[in-house]
Amino acid sequence: MIPIFDKPGIFASFIYRNARIIHTLKIALALFIVALFNWLWPVPHFIWAMVTIVIIMMGLPQVGGAIEKSLQRAIGTLIGSAYGVFLVIAMDNYWSLMGLLIFGVCVVVLLNAGRYSYAYLVTGFTMIIVIGDANHDTSEALWRSANILMGCLIAMLVSLFVLPIKAKQDWRAQLGKSFSLMAEVLANHLQTHDNVELLAERLKLENAMKAVLAQKKLFFSLEWESQTLKKHPQLLTELANEQVRVIILLELLLMSHWREEENDAYGRMQQIAQRLQQDFAALADYVNGKRHDRPLLPLELEQQLQRQLLVEQQLASGSDSEQTDHQHFTQNGYGWLLYQLALALLAINQELDKLEQAYDKQQFLNKAMAE
């Protein structure tokens, strides 16, 4: 089994089930530490440490996310405070000070993009916080910066060492949810073609897409928690892209309808779809921890499907009647959707193969370094 899909222990499962409550208690603990520190050793502007803790920890309960955000905030604070303190020391004229402050913020806005956009954001507002109304000395500016850095440190330590919430559990749950919904939609499609069911199945596909988006939000956290994923971030991206591809194909399959006299022809093609549905269901069970071994697809699945679909096309084109021509046209479209769905399933399986190989390689390197 791929390590990221290992069944979590009792303690890890407890943390994941109660993540919201635990996250709330961790924020409360971090704020209490700051309050206690200020009670024992009162410092000016200690409230900025509390503000920093809430900003960092509020939206990122996972360890990796909190670490990345803390580091970006610390870097942004150091750069912004250094620039702000320099202006406070060097500029006596009010408008010179304000002009250079506005210039610095504009530079940050121009550079603000990509993965480290939060660091740029922090740099910009730290300049403003440190300079304030331009009527204070450098000690006040330094205290504000120090309190922000203290908040970063406390937020990072509490996230790391107090009931750490791992992103991989949430990611795996969202991946399993996505596969389960795909298998369920495909199974229902094979059982009925009633329009009444269409809205419910589309809602499931929307939930599957939300699960994919939730996975993408966890990528940065996963990279901080795993050396393997940090070296191969593209694997997670490709896995998410293939899920989106499957969702689009399932949406098109839901729109497929045929006449009663075409049931026999489509019944044969649905045997192919039934096999794909079983593969998706087995994959969902593996990700959700219901089976230990990852389901393996036939080595020649693509070639087998090509042969089966070609046979169906030949059967449909055996007559020159207008009805058969229509049937031939619609079966080609339906067969193409099934073929693309199979290719997407194969691509998902290939990404999981790459993920397994990456983990095996990392484990080998870790053992070599330990020896």
Protein backbone atom coordinates (compact mmCIF):
# COMPACT_ATOMS: atom_id res chain seq x y z
CA MET A 1 0.00 0.00 0.00
CA ILE A 2 1.18 3.53 -0.78
CA PRO A 3 2.20 5.15 2.56
CA ILE A 4 -0.12 8.12 2.10
CA PHE A 5 -3.03 5.63 2.01
CA ASP A 6 -1.96 3.76 5.15
CA LYS A 7 -4.84 3.26 7.55
CA PRO A 8 -4.52 5.89 10.30
CA GLY A 9 -4.11 4.83 13.91
CA ILE A 10 -6.75 5.27 16.60
CA PHE A 11 -5.21 8.54 17.83
CA ALA A 12 -4.91 10.01 14.32
CA SER A 13 -8.49 9.00 13.53
CA PHE A 14 -9.69 10.67 16.74
CA ILE A 15 -7.92 13.91 15.78
CA TYR A 16 -9.41 13.87 12.27
CA ARG A 17 -12.95 13.15 13.49
CA ASN A 18 -12.76 16.01 15.99
CA ALA A 19 -10.54 18.32 13.92
CA ARG A 20 -12.79 21.38 14.23
CA ILE A 21 -12.99 21.20 18.03
CA ILE A 22 -9.28 20.41 18.38
CA HIS A 23 -8.38 23.27 16.05
CA THR A 24 -10.46 25.68 18.14
CA LEU A 25 -8.77 24.51 21.34
CA LYS A 26 -5.33 24.91 19.74
CA ILE A 27 -6.06 28.52 18.81
CA ALA A 28 -7.28 29.14 22.36
CA LEU A 29 -4.08 27.58 23.74
CA ALA A 30 -1.86 29.72 21.49
CA LEU A 31 -3.69 32.89 22.57
CA PHE A 32 -3.41 31.83 26.23
CA ILE A 33 0.37 31.38 25.84
CA VAL A 34 0.68 34.93 24.52
CA ALA A 35 -1.52 36.30 27.31
CA LEU A 36 0.49 34.41 29.93
CA PHE A 37 3.77 35.65 28.48
CA ASN A 38 2.50 39.24 28.57
CA TRP A 39 1.31 38.77 32.17
CA LEU A 40 4.73 37.51 33.26
CA TRP A 41 6.79 39.90 31.10
CA PRO A 42 4.62 42.79 29.88
CA VAL A 43 5.61 44.04 26.44
CA PRO A 44 4.28 46.94 24.37
CA HIS A 45 1.83 46.13 21.57
CA PHE A 46 1.53 42.45 22.55
CA ILE A 47 -1.91 42.42 20.91
CA TRP A 48 -0.17 42.05 17.52
CA ALA A 49 1.03 38.60 18.57
CA MET A 50 -2.60 37.59 19.13
CA VAL A 51 -3.68 39.06 15.80
CA THR A 52 -0.91 37.10 14.06
CA ILE A 53 -1.93 33.81 15.71
CA VAL A 54 -5.55 34.20 14.67
CA ILE A 55 -4.65 35.14 11.08
CA ILE A 56 -2.25 32.20 10.67
CA MET A 57 -4.24 29.48 12.42
CA MET A 58 -7.83 30.45 11.68
CA GLY A 59 -8.11 29.11 8.13
CA LEU A 60 -5.31 26.52 8.14
CA PRO A 61 -5.75 23.80 10.75
CA GLN A 62 -3.27 21.45 9.03
CA VAL A 63 0.35 21.37 10.17
CA GLY A 64 1.83 21.98 6.73
CA GLY A 65 -0.40 24.95 6.00
CA ALA A 66 0.34 26.58 9.35
CA ILE A 67 4.10 26.13 8.87
CA GLU A 68 4.07 27.63 5.39
CA LYS A 69 1.88 30.54 6.42
CA SER A 70 4.00 31.17 9.53
CA LEU A 71 7.21 31.23 7.50
CA GLN A 72 5.71 33.49 4.85
CA ARG A 73 4.40 35.82 7.54
CA ALA A 74 7.78 35.83 9.30
CA ILE A 75 9.63 36.63 6.06
CA GLY A 76 7.12 39.31 5.15
CA THR A 77 7.34 40.78 8.65
CA LEU A 78 11.14 40.93 8.58
CA ILE A 79 11.23 42.62 5.18
CA GLY A 80 8.37 44.99 5.91
CA SER A 81 9.61 45.94 9.37
CA ALA A 82 13.19 46.45 8.13
CA TYR A 83 11.94 48.82 5.45
CA GLY A 84 9.60 50.55 7.89
CA VAL A 85 12.24 51.02 10.59
CA PHE A 86 14.68 52.33 7.99
CA LEU A 87 12.16 54.96 6.90
CA VAL A 88 11.40 55.95 10.51
CA ILE A 89 15.14 56.43 11.19
CA ALA A 90 16.11 58.07 7.89
CA MET A 91 13.14 60.32 7.13
CA ASP A 92 12.33 63.39 9.21
CA ASN A 93 9.96 64.97 6.73
CA TYR A 94 6.37 63.68 6.92
CA TRP A 95 5.71 63.65 3.17
CA SER A 96 9.07 62.05 2.36
CA LEU A 97 8.20 59.27 4.79
CA MET A 98 4.67 58.81 3.42
CA GLY A 99 5.87 58.99 -0.18
CA LEU A 100 8.44 56.21 0.30
CA LEU A 101 5.89 54.15 2.24
CA ILE A 102 3.41 54.40 -0.64
CA PHE A 103 6.20 53.58 -3.10
CA GLY A 104 7.15 50.47 -1.10
CA VAL A 105 3.55 49.25 -0.95
CA CYS A 106 3.18 49.79 -4.72
CA VAL A 107 6.31 47.70 -5.39
CA VAL A 108 4.90 44.90 -3.23
CA VAL A 109 1.58 45.05 -5.09
CA LEU A 110 3.38 44.75 -8.44
CA LEU A 111 5.37 41.72 -7.23
CA ASN A 112 2.43 40.07 -5.47
CA ALA A 113 1.74 36.81 -7.33
CA GLY A 114 2.08 33.04 -7.15
CA ARG A 115 2.68 30.76 -4.24
CA TYR A 116 4.29 33.39 -2.01
CA SER A 117 1.61 36.05 -2.41
CA TYR A 118 0.88 35.95 1.33
CA ALA A 119 4.47 36.97 2.12
CA TYR A 120 4.08 39.99 -0.17
CA LEU A 121 0.78 40.85 1.49
CA VAL A 122 2.37 40.71 4.95
CA THR A 123 5.31 42.80 3.75
CA GLY A 124 2.95 45.53 2.59
CA PHE A 125 0.80 45.83 5.68
CA THR A 126 3.81 45.40 8.02
CA MET A 127 5.33 48.53 6.48
CA ILE A 128 2.12 50.39 7.31
CA ILE A 129 1.84 48.88 10.82
CA VAL A 130 5.46 49.71 11.70
CA ILE A 131 5.33 53.29 10.43
CA GLY A 132 1.83 53.93 11.77
CA ASP A 133 1.01 57.63 11.89
CA ALA A 134 4.72 58.57 11.54
CA ASN A 135 4.69 60.18 15.01
CA HIS A 136 6.57 57.53 17.03
CA ASP A 137 10.16 56.39 17.54
CA THR A 138 11.94 53.28 16.28
CA SER A 139 11.47 51.32 19.52
CA GLU A 140 7.72 51.25 18.98
CA ALA A 141 8.20 50.00 15.42
CA LEU A 142 10.57 47.27 16.60
CA TRP A 143 8.18 46.12 19.32
CA ARG A 144 5.38 45.73 16.80
CA SER A 145 7.63 43.62 14.56
CA ALA A 146 8.85 41.51 17.48
CA ASN A 147 5.30 40.75 18.57
CA ILE A 148 4.32 39.65 15.07
CA LEU A 149 7.33 37.32 14.93
CA MET A 150 6.48 35.92 18.36
CA GLY A 151 2.95 35.20 17.14
CA CYS A 152 4.38 33.35 14.11
CA LEU A 153 6.61 31.22 16.32
CA ILE A 154 3.86 30.31 18.78
CA ALA A 155 1.38 29.48 15.99
CA MET A 156 3.93 27.20 14.31
CA LEU A 157 4.93 25.39 17.52
CA VAL A 158 1.35 24.80 18.65
CA SER A 159 0.40 23.50 15.18
CA LEU A 160 3.41 21.15 15.13
CA PHE A 161 3.44 19.71 18.63
CA VAL A 162 -0.09 19.96 20.06
CA LEU A 163 -2.40 17.33 18.55
CA PRO A 164 -1.10 17.93 14.99
CA ILE A 165 -3.79 17.80 12.30
CA LYS A 166 -2.28 16.19 9.20
CA ALA A 167 -3.39 17.29 5.74
CA LYS A 168 -2.91 13.80 4.28
CA GLN A 169 -5.93 12.46 6.19
CA ASP A 170 -8.18 15.20 4.83
CA TRP A 171 -6.74 14.78 1.32
CA ARG A 172 -7.27 11.04 1.36
CA ALA A 173 -10.85 11.47 2.60
CA GLN A 174 -11.60 13.93 -0.21
CA LEU A 175 -9.99 11.65 -2.80
CA GLY A 176 -12.00 8.68 -1.54
CA LYS A 177 -15.18 10.77 -1.59
CA SER A 178 -14.50 11.78 -5.19
CA PHE A 179 -13.96 8.19 -6.37
CA SER A 180 -16.99 6.93 -4.42
CA LEU A 181 -19.27 9.53 -5.99
CA MET A 182 -17.94 8.72 -9.46
CA ALA A 183 -18.62 5.01 -8.96
CA GLU A 184 -22.09 5.75 -7.59
CA VAL A 185 -23.04 8.03 -10.49
CA LEU A 186 -21.85 5.48 -13.04
CA ALA A 187 -23.73 2.68 -11.27
CA ASN A 188 -26.96 4.69 -11.23
CA HIS A 189 -26.49 5.59 -14.89
CA LEU A 190 -26.34 1.89 -15.75
CA GLN A 191 -29.51 1.12 -13.80
CA THR A 192 -31.86 3.85 -15.00
CA HIS A 193 -32.35 6.49 -17.66
CA ASP A 194 -35.20 8.33 -16.00
CA ASN A 195 -34.85 12.10 -16.27
CA VAL A 196 -36.08 12.43 -12.69
CA GLU A 197 -32.76 11.02 -11.49
CA LEU A 198 -30.65 13.41 -13.55
CA LEU A 199 -30.71 16.29 -11.07
CA ALA A 200 -29.65 14.07 -8.16
CA GLU A 201 -26.76 12.60 -10.14
CA ARG A 202 -25.58 16.05 -11.22
CA LEU A 203 -25.57 17.09 -7.58
CA LYS A 204 -23.28 14.15 -6.82
CA LEU A 205 -20.94 15.26 -9.60
CA GLU A 206 -20.92 18.78 -8.15
CA ASN A 207 -19.95 17.30 -4.78
CA ALA A 208 -17.22 15.29 -6.48
CA MET A 209 -15.87 18.49 -8.05
CA LYS A 210 -15.94 20.18 -4.63
CA ALA A 211 -13.91 17.25 -3.29
CA VAL A 212 -11.33 17.78 -6.05
CA LEU A 213 -11.12 21.50 -5.23
CA ALA A 214 -10.67 20.62 -1.55
CA GLN A 215 -7.75 18.37 -2.54
CA LYS A 216 -6.10 21.23 -4.43
CA LYS A 217 -6.33 23.51 -1.40
CA LEU A 218 -4.32 20.94 0.59
CA PHE A 219 -1.42 20.64 -1.87
CA PHE A 220 0.88 23.13 -0.10
CA SER A 221 0.20 21.52 3.28
CA LEU A 222 0.92 18.05 1.89
CA GLU A 223 4.22 19.20 0.43
CA TRP A 224 5.33 20.49 3.84
CA GLU A 225 4.32 17.24 5.54
CA SER A 226 5.92 14.85 3.03
CA GLN A 227 9.39 14.96 1.47
CA THR A 228 8.16 12.73 -1.34
CA LEU A 229 5.29 15.02 -2.30
CA LYS A 230 7.54 18.07 -2.00
CA LYS A 231 9.82 16.54 -4.64
CA HIS A 232 6.92 15.42 -6.87
CA PRO A 233 4.14 18.01 -6.53
CA GLN A 234 3.03 17.42 -10.13
CA LEU A 235 1.70 13.97 -9.17
CA LEU A 236 -1.05 15.47 -7.03
CA THR A 237 -1.90 18.01 -9.72
CA GLU A 238 -2.20 15.35 -12.43
CA LEU A 239 -4.32 13.16 -10.18
CA ALA A 240 -6.71 16.07 -9.61
CA ASN A 241 -6.81 16.87 -13.34
CA GLU A 242 -7.77 13.30 -14.20
CA GLN A 243 -10.60 13.40 -11.67
CA VAL A 244 -11.95 16.54 -13.35
CA ARG A 245 -11.75 14.71 -16.68
CA VAL A 246 -13.81 11.81 -15.29
CA ILE A 247 -16.43 14.17 -13.87
CA ILE A 248 -16.86 15.86 -17.27
CA LEU A 249 -17.23 12.49 -19.03
CA LEU A 250 -19.78 11.29 -16.48
CA GLU A 251 -21.76 14.50 -17.01
CA LEU A 252 -21.91 13.69 -20.73
CA LEU A 253 -22.87 10.07 -20.05
CA LEU A 254 -25.80 11.25 -17.93
CA MET A 255 -27.14 13.06 -21.00
CA SER A 256 -27.11 9.85 -23.08
CA HIS A 257 -30.50 8.35 -23.93
CA TRP A 258 -31.68 5.75 -26.40
CA ARG A 259 -34.90 4.28 -27.74
CA GLU A 260 -36.39 1.05 -26.46
CA GLU A 261 -35.55 -0.81 -29.68
CA GLU A 262 -31.86 0.04 -29.11
CA ASN A 263 -31.70 -1.63 -25.70
CA ASP A 264 -29.90 -4.76 -26.93
CA ALA A 265 -27.10 -2.83 -28.60
CA TYR A 266 -26.58 -0.49 -25.69
CA GLY A 267 -26.90 -3.37 -23.23
CA ARG A 268 -23.79 -4.94 -24.73
CA MET A 269 -21.90 -1.66 -24.51
CA GLN A 270 -23.00 -1.17 -20.93
CA GLN A 271 -21.16 -4.34 -19.99
CA ILE A 272 -18.01 -2.33 -20.67
CA ALA A 273 -19.31 0.50 -18.49
CA GLN A 274 -20.16 -2.00 -15.74
CA ARG A 275 -16.55 -3.15 -15.68
CA LEU A 276 -15.33 0.43 -15.40
CA GLN A 277 -17.79 1.08 -12.58
CA GLN A 278 -16.43 -1.89 -10.64
CA ASP A 279 -12.89 -0.57 -11.11
CA PHE A 280 -13.86 2.87 -9.77
CA ALA A 281 -15.64 1.28 -6.79
CA ALA A 282 -12.58 -0.87 -6.00
CA LEU A 283 -10.35 2.20 -6.23
CA ALA A 284 -12.63 4.07 -3.83
CA ASP A 285 -12.49 1.16 -1.36
CA TYR A 286 -8.69 1.19 -1.54
CA VAL A 287 -8.39 4.93 -0.89
CA ASN A 288 -10.96 4.74 1.93
CA GLY A 289 -8.99 1.95 3.62
CA LYS A 290 -11.57 -0.81 3.00
CA ARG A 291 -9.05 -2.95 1.12
CA HIS A 292 -5.29 -3.22 1.54
CA ASP A 293 -4.14 -3.95 -2.01
CA ARG A 294 -4.61 -1.42 -4.78
CA PRO A 295 -6.81 -2.84 -7.57
CA LEU A 296 -4.78 -3.53 -10.69
CA LEU A 297 -6.22 -2.93 -14.13
CA PRO A 298 -5.62 -5.41 -16.99
CA LEU A 299 -2.39 -4.59 -18.81
CA GLU A 300 -4.19 -4.49 -22.16
CA LEU A 301 -7.38 -2.75 -21.03
CA GLU A 302 -7.16 -0.08 -23.73
CA GLN A 303 -6.68 -2.63 -26.51
CA GLN A 304 -9.52 -4.82 -25.17
CA LEU A 305 -11.90 -1.88 -25.17
CA GLN A 306 -10.88 -0.89 -28.68
CA ARG A 307 -11.66 -4.39 -29.96
CA GLN A 308 -15.02 -4.55 -28.16
CA LEU A 309 -16.12 -1.14 -29.41
CA LEU A 310 -15.07 -1.97 -32.98
CA VAL A 311 -17.20 -5.13 -32.85
CA GLU A 312 -20.20 -3.10 -31.70
CA GLN A 313 -19.67 -0.57 -34.50
CA GLN A 314 -19.59 -3.36 -37.08
CA LEU A 315 -22.82 -4.83 -35.72
CA ALA A 316 -24.51 -1.42 -35.82
CA SER A 317 -23.39 -0.76 -39.41
CA GLY A 318 -24.59 -4.11 -40.76
CA SER A 319 -27.72 -2.60 -42.31
CA ASP A 320 -28.32 0.39 -44.57
CA SER A 321 -31.63 1.46 -43.02
CA GLU A 322 -32.07 4.98 -41.68
CA GLN A 323 -32.77 3.59 -38.20
CA THR A 324 -29.49 1.66 -38.18
CA ASP A 325 -27.58 4.70 -39.41
CA HIS A 326 -28.93 6.68 -36.45
CA GLN A 327 -28.07 3.83 -34.10
CA HIS A 328 -24.56 3.64 -35.57
CA PHE A 329 -24.05 7.37 -35.03
CA THR A 330 -25.28 7.37 -31.42
CA GLN A 331 -23.40 4.21 -30.49
CA ASN A 332 -20.18 5.71 -31.80
CA GLY A 333 -20.67 8.70 -29.50
CA TYR A 334 -21.54 6.54 -26.50
CA GLY A 335 -18.63 4.21 -27.19
CA TRP A 336 -16.24 7.16 -27.46
CA LEU A 337 -17.34 8.39 -24.01
CA LEU A 338 -16.74 4.95 -22.49
CA TYR A 339 -13.36 4.72 -24.19
CA GLN A 340 -12.31 8.14 -22.84
CA LEU A 341 -13.56 7.15 -19.39
CA ALA A 342 -11.37 4.05 -19.53
CA LEU A 343 -8.37 6.16 -20.59
CA ALA A 344 -8.97 8.49 -17.64
CA LEU A 345 -9.11 5.50 -15.29
CA LEU A 346 -5.85 4.21 -16.76
CA ALA A 347 -4.27 7.65 -16.30
CA ILE A 348 -5.35 7.72 -12.64
CA ASN A 349 -3.83 4.28 -12.17
CA GLN A 350 -0.59 5.45 -13.80
CA GLU A 351 -0.39 8.47 -11.47
CA LEU A 352 -0.84 6.15 -8.49
CA ASP A 353 1.96 3.96 -9.88
CA LYS A 354 4.23 7.01 -10.06
CA LEU A 355 3.24 7.98 -6.52
CA GLU A 356 4.07 4.50 -5.25
CA GLN A 357 7.44 4.53 -7.05
CA ALA A 358 8.26 7.96 -5.61
CA TYR A 359 7.54 6.75 -2.06
CA ASP A 360 9.59 3.58 -2.60
CA LYS A 361 12.51 5.67 -3.85
CA GLN A 362 12.27 8.03 -0.87
CA GLN A 363 12.18 5.11 1.57
CA PHE A 364 15.27 3.63 -0.09
CA LEU A 365 17.10 6.98 0.23
CA ASN A 366 16.08 7.30 3.88
CA LYS A 367 17.42 3.81 4.65
CA ALA A 368 20.67 4.55 2.80
CA MET A 369 21.16 7.77 4.78
CA ALA A 370 20.39 5.98 8.05
CA GLU A 371 23.07 3.39 7.34
